Amino acid sequence: MKVTVVGKSRRAGKSKAGKDYDFTTIMAEYSMRANDDNDGVQVDRINVDARMMPYALIVVGATYDLDFDRNGYLLGIEEV
């Protein structure tokens, strides 16, 4: 799915259980075109693990291709 990043925020630290976490929440805009007559845009928040793509490499305004599995979990991200 191709998305345009319209915002981002980073969360990093240590959980109460003592596990480290580091991820970026991107606000992504994408087309919800059902057919030629109905065009719409939807914005969603998607969490990206820092091991997939570090915070500094995600650019607001850039277009990315996201791959999800059948359960909706993010498998990969790459800039288009």
Protein backbone atom coordinates (compact mmCIF):
# COMPACT_ATOMS: atom_id res chain seq x y z
CA MET A 1 0.00 0.00 0.00
CA LYS A 2 1.41 3.40 -0.96
CA VAL A 3 1.12 6.09 1.71
CA THR A 4 2.26 9.68 2.17
CA VAL A 5 3.66 10.54 5.60
CA VAL A 6 1.96 13.64 7.02
CA GLY A 7 3.44 13.40 10.54
CA LYS A 8 5.62 11.29 12.80
CA SER A 9 6.50 10.81 16.47
CA ARG A 10 9.01 8.58 18.24
CA ARG A 11 8.57 6.46 21.34
CA ALA A 12 11.61 4.86 22.94
CA GLY A 13 12.47 3.67 26.40
CA LYS A 14 12.10 0.76 28.78
CA SER A 15 8.80 -0.88 29.72
CA LYS A 16 7.73 -1.64 33.29
CA ALA A 17 8.74 -5.25 32.58
CA GLY A 18 12.25 -4.07 31.73
CA LYS A 19 12.06 -4.59 27.97
CA ASP A 20 13.47 -1.95 25.62
CA TYR A 21 11.20 -0.48 22.96
CA ASP A 22 11.84 1.92 20.07
CA PHE A 23 9.26 2.67 17.40
CA THR A 24 7.98 5.50 15.23
CA THR A 25 4.29 6.28 14.86
CA ILE A 26 3.66 7.70 11.41
CA MET A 27 0.51 9.53 10.42
CA ALA A 28 -0.07 8.19 6.91
CA GLU A 29 -2.45 9.46 4.25
CA TYR A 30 -3.67 7.09 1.54
CA SER A 31 -6.34 6.93 -1.14
CA MET A 32 -9.55 5.03 -0.48
CA ARG A 33 -10.74 5.07 -4.10
CA ALA A 34 -13.60 2.59 -4.44
CA ASN A 35 -14.26 3.41 -8.10
CA ASP A 36 -13.92 6.31 -10.53
CA ASP A 37 -16.94 8.13 -9.05
CA ASN A 38 -15.96 8.00 -5.39
CA ASP A 39 -12.55 9.26 -4.35
CA GLY A 40 -11.53 9.75 -0.76
CA VAL A 41 -8.49 10.05 1.44
CA GLN A 42 -8.01 8.39 4.79
CA VAL A 43 -5.41 9.13 7.47
CA ASP A 44 -4.23 6.42 9.86
CA ARG A 45 -1.54 5.95 12.51
CA ILE A 46 0.89 3.12 11.82
CA ASN A 47 3.65 1.96 14.18
CA VAL A 48 7.02 1.25 12.53
CA ASP A 49 9.66 -0.62 14.53
CA ALA A 50 13.06 1.12 14.55
CA ARG A 51 14.65 -2.10 13.25
CA MET A 52 12.58 -1.74 10.05
CA MET A 53 13.34 1.95 9.54
CA PRO A 54 14.87 4.37 12.07
CA TYR A 55 13.05 7.59 12.99
CA ALA A 56 15.65 9.82 11.27
CA LEU A 57 15.13 8.12 7.89
CA ILE A 58 11.35 8.69 7.77
CA VAL A 59 10.66 11.96 5.94
CA VAL A 60 7.40 13.88 6.34
CA GLY A 61 5.91 14.46 2.88
CA ALA A 62 7.62 11.44 1.33
CA THR A 63 5.81 8.45 -0.19
CA TYR A 64 6.40 4.94 1.16
CA ASP A 65 5.29 1.46 0.19
CA LEU A 66 4.07 -0.55 3.18
CA ASP A 67 3.62 -4.33 3.22
CA PHE A 68 1.20 -5.95 5.66
CA ASP A 69 0.41 -9.60 6.38
CA ARG A 70 -3.14 -10.93 6.29
CA ASN A 71 -3.63 -10.03 9.97
CA GLY A 72 -2.70 -6.38 9.42
CA TYR A 73 0.81 -6.50 10.91
CA LEU A 74 3.46 -4.40 9.20
CA LEU A 75 6.06 -6.56 7.45
CA GLY A 76 8.14 -3.94 5.64
CA ILE A 77 8.51 -0.34 4.61
CA GLU A 78 10.48 1.25 1.77
CA GLU A 79 10.61 4.72 0.25
CA VAL A 80 9.18 5.09 -3.26
